[in-house]
C-alpha atoms as a PDB file:
ATOM      1  CA  MET A   1     -40.900  -4.559 -12.986  1.00  0.00           C
ATOM      2  CA  LYS A   2     -39.673  -0.958 -12.618  1.00  0.00           C
ATOM      3  CA  LYS A   3     -37.941  -1.285  -9.608  1.00  0.00           C
ATOM      4  CA  PHE A   4     -36.105  -4.598 -10.498  1.00  0.00           C
ATOM      5  CA  GLY A   5     -34.701  -2.633 -13.405  1.00  0.00           C
ATOM      6  CA  LEU A   6     -34.512  -0.025 -11.645  1.00  0.00           C
ATOM      7  CA  LEU A   7     -31.936  -2.269  -9.614  1.00  0.00           C
ATOM      8  CA  VAL A   8     -30.258  -3.667 -12.113  1.00  0.00           C
ATOM      9  CA  PHE A   9     -29.540   0.021 -13.729  1.00  0.00           C
ATOM     10  CA  ILE A  10     -28.111   0.759  -9.802  1.00  0.00           C
ATOM     11  CA  MET A  11     -25.976  -2.336  -9.280  1.00  0.00           C
ATOM     12  CA  ALA A  12     -24.638  -1.790 -12.839  1.00  0.00           C
ATOM     13  CA  ALA A  13     -23.666   1.652 -12.382  1.00  0.00           C
ATOM     14  CA  PHE A  14     -22.253   0.988  -9.381  1.00  0.00           C
ATOM     15  CA  ALA A  15     -19.926  -2.273 -10.918  1.00  0.00           C
ATOM     16  CA  ALA A  16     -19.206   0.240 -13.924  1.00  0.00           C
ATOM     17  CA  ILE A  17     -17.600   2.734 -11.235  1.00  0.00           C
ATOM     18  CA  ALA A  18     -15.761   0.343  -8.778  1.00  0.00           C
ATOM     19  CA  VAL A  19     -14.046  -1.166 -12.219  1.00  0.00           C
ATOM     20  CA  ALA A  20     -13.356   2.156 -14.140  1.00  0.00           C
ATOM     21  CA  GLN A  21     -10.912   2.963 -10.887  1.00  0.00           C
ATOM     22  CA  PRO A  22      -7.536   3.151 -11.971  1.00  0.00           C
ATOM     23  CA  ARG A  23      -5.226   0.287  -9.884  1.00  0.00           C
ATOM     24  CA  ALA A  24      -1.210  -0.246  -9.892  1.00  0.00           C
ATOM     25  CA  ILE A  25       0.291  -2.992  -9.821  1.00  0.00           C
ATOM     26  CA  GLY A  26       4.558  -3.998  -8.883  1.00  0.00           C
ATOM     27  CA  ALA A  27       6.688  -3.866  -6.637  1.00  0.00           C
ATOM     28  CA  ARG A  28       8.227  -2.000  -3.900  1.00  0.00           C
ATOM     29  CA  LEU A  29      11.734  -2.079  -2.925  1.00  0.00           C
ATOM     30  CA  GLY A  30      13.315  -1.400   0.523  1.00  0.00           C
ATOM     31  CA  GLY A  31      13.756  -2.837   3.878  1.00  0.00           C
ATOM     32  CA  ASN A  32      11.119  -5.892   2.576  1.00  0.00           C
ATOM     33  CA  LEU A  33      10.898  -7.387  -1.430  1.00  0.00           C
ATOM     34  CA  GLU A  34       7.190  -6.949  -1.759  1.00  0.00           C
ATOM     35  CA  VAL A  35       4.498  -7.051  -4.592  1.00  0.00           C
ATOM     36  CA  SER A  36       1.980  -3.829  -3.926  1.00  0.00           C
ATOM     37  CA  TYR A  37      -0.822  -2.880  -5.356  1.00  0.00           C
ATOM     38  CA  GLN A  38      -2.680   0.494  -5.670  1.00  0.00           C
ATOM     39  CA  HIS A  39      -6.541   1.119  -5.944  1.00  0.00           C
ATOM     40  CA  SER A  40      -7.961   4.703  -6.548  1.00  0.00           C
ATOM     41  CA  LEU A  41     -10.907   5.400  -4.887  1.00  0.00           C
ATOM     42  CA  GLY A  42     -11.539   8.372  -6.905  1.00  0.00           C
ATOM     43  CA  ASP A  43      -9.117  11.467  -7.050  1.00  0.00           C
ATOM     44  CA  THR A  44      -8.685  11.814  -3.890  1.00  0.00           C
ATOM     45  CA  ASN A  45      -8.166   8.318  -1.523  1.00  0.00           C
ATOM     46  CA  MET A  46      -6.751   5.172  -2.501  1.00  0.00           C
ATOM     47  CA  ILE A  47      -5.779   1.936  -0.599  1.00  0.00           C
ATOM     48  CA  SER A  48      -2.374   0.407  -0.641  1.00  0.00           C
ATOM     49  CA  ALA A  49      -1.503  -3.478   0.016  1.00  0.00           C
ATOM     50  CA  GLU A  50       1.386  -5.287   0.301  1.00  0.00           C
ATOM     51  CA  LEU A  51       2.126  -8.562   0.217  1.00  0.00           C
ATOM     52  CA  GLY A  52       6.255  -9.273   0.835  1.00  0.00           C
ATOM     53  CA  LEU A  53       8.968 -11.703   2.135  1.00  0.00           C
ATOM     54  CA  PRO A  54      11.031  -9.866   5.053  1.00  0.00           C
ATOM     55  CA  ILE A  55      15.132  -8.918   4.532  1.00  0.00           C
ATOM     56  CA  ILE A  56      16.275 -10.750   7.654  1.00  0.00           C
ATOM     57  CA  ASN A  57      19.839 -10.066   9.399  1.00  0.00           C
ATOM     58  CA  GLY A  58      21.342 -13.514   9.045  1.00  0.00           C
ATOM     59  CA  GLY A  59      19.264 -15.938   7.420  1.00  0.00           C
ATOM     60  CA  GLY A  60      15.515 -16.838   8.320  1.00  0.00           C
ATOM     61  CA  PHE A  61      12.150 -17.001   6.161  1.00  0.00           C
ATOM     62  CA  GLY A  62       9.578 -14.874   6.479  1.00  0.00           C
ATOM     63  CA  LEU A  63       5.814 -13.114   5.133  1.00  0.00           C
ATOM     64  CA  ALA A  64       4.560  -9.665   5.727  1.00  0.00           C
ATOM     65  CA  ALA A  65       1.306  -7.806   4.569  1.00  0.00           C
ATOM     66  CA  ALA A  66       0.670  -4.587   5.012  1.00  0.00           C
ATOM     67  CA  ALA A  67      -2.687  -2.161   4.179  1.00  0.00           C
ATOM     68  CA  THR A  68      -3.152   1.573   4.560  1.00  0.00           C
ATOM     69  CA  TYR A  69      -5.853   3.798   3.604  1.00  0.00           C
ATOM     70  CA  ASP A  70      -4.110   6.445   2.112  1.00  0.00           C
ATOM     71  CA  TRP A  71      -5.338  10.559   1.022  1.00  0.00           C
ATOM     72  CA  ILE A  72      -3.812  11.752  -2.108  1.00  0.00           C
ATOM     73  CA  ASN A  73      -2.343  15.423  -2.088  1.00  0.00           C
ATOM     74  CA  PRO A  74      -4.034  16.390   1.727  1.00  0.00           C
ATOM     75  CA  GLY A  75      -5.724  19.512   2.046  1.00  0.00           C
ATOM     76  CA  GLY A  76      -5.841  19.877  -1.927  1.00  0.00           C
ATOM     77  CA  HIS A  77      -1.801  21.021  -1.881  1.00  0.00           C
ATOM     78  CA  GLU A  78      -0.994  19.614  -5.301  1.00  0.00           C
ATOM     79  CA  ILE A  79       2.948  19.169  -7.045  1.00  0.00           C
ATOM     80  CA  PRO A  80       2.632  21.995  -9.976  1.00  0.00           C
ATOM     81  CA  TRP A  81       4.114  20.356 -12.919  1.00  0.00           C
ATOM     82  CA  ASN A  82       3.285  21.330 -16.291  1.00  0.00           C
ATOM     83  CA  GLU A  83       5.462  18.762 -18.460  1.00  0.00           C
ATOM     84  CA  LYS A  84       4.194  15.318 -19.329  1.00  0.00           C
ATOM     85  CA  GLY A  85       2.791  12.911 -16.631  1.00  0.00           C
ATOM     86  CA  SER A  86       1.796  13.902 -13.042  1.00  0.00           C
ATOM     87  CA  TRP A  87       3.224  13.973  -9.313  1.00  0.00           C
ATOM     88  CA  ASN A  88       1.084  13.345  -5.669  1.00  0.00           C
ATOM     89  CA  TRP A  89       1.993  12.902  -2.891  1.00  0.00           C
ATOM     90  CA  TYR A  90      -0.241  11.126  -0.206  1.00  0.00           C
ATOM     91  CA  ALA A  91      -0.409  10.280   3.549  1.00  0.00           C
ATOM     92  CA  GLY A  92      -2.630   7.469   5.035  1.00  0.00           C
ATOM     93  CA  VAL A  93      -2.920   4.720   8.042  1.00  0.00           C
ATOM     94  CA  GLY A  94      -2.975   1.002   8.079  1.00  0.00           C
ATOM     95  CA  ALA A  95      -2.045  -2.099   9.921  1.00  0.00           C
ATOM     96  CA  ASN A  96       0.812  -4.837   9.221  1.00  0.00           C
ATOM     97  CA  ALA A  97       1.240  -8.141  10.472  1.00  0.00           C
ATOM     98  CA  GLY A  98       3.573 -11.578   9.201  1.00  0.00           C
ATOM     99  CA  PHE A  99       5.627 -13.807  10.928  1.00  0.00           C
ATOM    100  CA  TYR A 100       9.533 -14.485  10.424  1.00  0.00           C
ATOM    101  CA  GLY A 101      11.492 -17.535  11.373  1.00  0.00           C
ATOM    102  CA  PHE A 102      15.024 -17.961  12.819  1.00  0.00           C
ATOM    103  CA  TYR A 103      15.159 -21.059  15.092  1.00  0.00           C
ATOM    104  CA  ALA A 104      11.393 -20.502  16.092  1.00  0.00           C
ATOM    105  CA  ILE A 105       8.753 -18.672  13.960  1.00  0.00           C
ATOM    106  CA  CYS A 106       8.187 -14.705  15.893  1.00  0.00           C
ATOM    107  CA  GLY A 107       4.391 -12.847  14.695  1.00  0.00           C
ATOM    108  CA  PHE A 108       4.406  -9.397  14.531  1.00  0.00           C
ATOM    109  CA  GLY A 109       1.422  -7.139  13.553  1.00  0.00           C
ATOM    110  CA  GLY A 110       1.224  -3.465  14.200  1.00  0.00           C
ATOM    111  CA  VAL A 111      -0.036   0.261  13.156  1.00  0.00           C
ATOM    112  CA  ALA A 112       1.533   0.757   9.950  1.00  0.00           C
ATOM    113  CA  GLY A 113       1.679   4.778   8.960  1.00  0.00           C
ATOM    114  CA  ARG A 114       2.361   5.892   5.259  1.00  0.00           C
ATOM    115  CA  ILE A 115       4.015   9.394   3.287  1.00  0.00           C
ATOM    116  CA  GLY A 116       5.464   9.206   0.122  1.00  0.00           C
ATOM    117  CA  ILE A 117       5.788  11.062  -3.059  1.00  0.00           C
ATOM    118  CA  GLU A 118       4.881   9.453  -7.004  1.00  0.00           C
ATOM    119  CA  TYR A 119       4.924  10.240 -10.247  1.00  0.00           C
ATOM    120  CA  ASN A 120       2.620   8.926 -12.868  1.00  0.00           C
ATOM    121  CA  PHE A 121       4.472   8.810 -16.498  1.00  0.00           C
ATOM    122  CA  TRP A 122       1.812   9.772 -19.702  1.00  0.00           C
ATOM    123  CA  PHE A 123       2.506   6.303 -20.295  1.00  0.00           C
ATOM    124  CA  PRO A 124       0.956   2.977 -17.611  1.00  0.00           C
ATOM    125  CA  LEU A 125       4.080   2.980 -15.386  1.00  0.00           C
ATOM    126  CA  GLN A 126       4.480   4.915 -11.461  1.00  0.00           C
ATOM    127  CA  LEU A 127       7.411   5.325  -9.478  1.00  0.00           C
ATOM    128  CA  SER A 128       7.029   6.450  -6.053  1.00  0.00           C
ATOM    129  CA  LEU A 129       9.012   6.619  -2.702  1.00  0.00           C
ATOM    130  CA  ASP A 130       7.619   6.481   0.604  1.00  0.00           C
ATOM    131  CA  TYR A 131       8.301   5.655   3.932  1.00  0.00           C
ATOM    132  CA  ARG A 132       5.934   3.530   5.966  1.00  0.00           C
ATOM    133  CA  PRO A 133       6.796   3.089   9.725  1.00  0.00           C
ATOM    134  CA  VAL A 134       5.315   0.121  11.750  1.00  0.00           C
ATOM    135  CA  ILE A 135       4.243   0.289  15.547  1.00  0.00           C
ATOM    136  CA  GLY A 136       3.425  -2.626  17.608  1.00  0.00           C
ATOM    137  CA  ILE A 137       4.383  -5.663  18.885  1.00  0.00           C
ATOM    138  CA  ARG A 138       6.256  -8.956  18.446  1.00  0.00           C
ATOM    139  CA  GLY A 139       6.421 -12.322  20.258  1.00  0.00           C
ATOM    140  CA  ALA A 140       6.993 -16.085  20.165  1.00  0.00           C
ATOM    141  CA  ASN A 141       7.803 -18.700  22.456  1.00  0.00           C
ATOM    142  CA  GLY A 142       5.659 -16.687  25.629  1.00  0.00           C
ATOM    143  CA  TYR A 143       7.587 -13.592  25.581  1.00  0.00           C
ATOM    144  CA  VAL A 144       5.732 -10.234  23.308  1.00  0.00           C
ATOM    145  CA  GLU A 145       8.737  -7.056  23.431  1.00  0.00           C
ATOM    146  CA  PHE A 146       7.939  -3.616  21.135  1.00  0.00           C
ATOM    147  CA  ASN A 147       8.989  -4.345  17.209  1.00  0.00           C
ATOM    148  CA  ASP A 148      11.693  -1.598  16.617  1.00  0.00           C
ATOM    149  CA  TRP A 149      12.395  -2.594  13.227  1.00  0.00           C
ATOM    150  CA  GLY A 150       9.453  -1.035  11.760  1.00  0.00           C
ATOM    151  CA  PHE A 151      10.506   2.221  12.011  1.00  0.00           C
ATOM    152  CA  TYR A 152      12.930   1.966   9.091  1.00  0.00           C
ATOM    153  CA  GLY A 153       9.875   0.968   6.147  1.00  0.00           C
ATOM    154  CA  ILE A 154      11.864   3.588   3.092  1.00  0.00           C
ATOM    155  CA  ALA A 155      10.909   1.951   0.033  1.00  0.00           C
ATOM    156  CA  LEU A 156      11.071   2.611  -4.051  1.00  0.00           C
ATOM    157  CA  GLY A 157       7.937   1.547  -5.861  1.00  0.00           C
ATOM    158  CA  VAL A 158       7.649   0.504  -9.621  1.00  0.00           C
ATOM    159  CA  ARG A 159       4.529  -0.398 -10.900  1.00  0.00           C
ATOM    160  CA  TYR A 160       2.373  -0.788 -14.231  1.00  0.00           C
ATOM    161  CA  ILE A 161      -0.853   1.449 -13.757  1.00  0.00           C
ATOM    162  CA  PHE A 162      -4.273  -0.392 -15.286  1.00  0.00           C
ATOM    163  CA  GLU A 163      -7.678   0.167 -15.383  1.00  0.00           C
END
């Protein structure tokens, strides 16, 4: 019975820790129009995920997803700030995949990087500016080529912070 009680306590503690981590949800506007979600993994790491609609020259439609594992203030180099709110910078790596179409559906995928800066207000609002390049391939109808339009992933993020 003691082991069962200890197991329940440990599971409840892990659940409380997972729920108590700050999260943010909002929009990321730049090369794509995206819904953005960040989940903090303590003070030094976070997972960022976006789902969006690629902006395609000449029309068409598409859907893209990206996720990165980001380090907050890598190396402990924090941005000094003595006012309300806080500044952070972050860098990370992850993946990107999706599809778009004009006359035929074209799929794409690749490795994504991220570097950016964010300001967390003293109320639950976060603004960020980041660069998320994607290196990968795209293809449709039997051809595969280098995906070069992912190099232009500069965007402004606006998110609501909650716990």
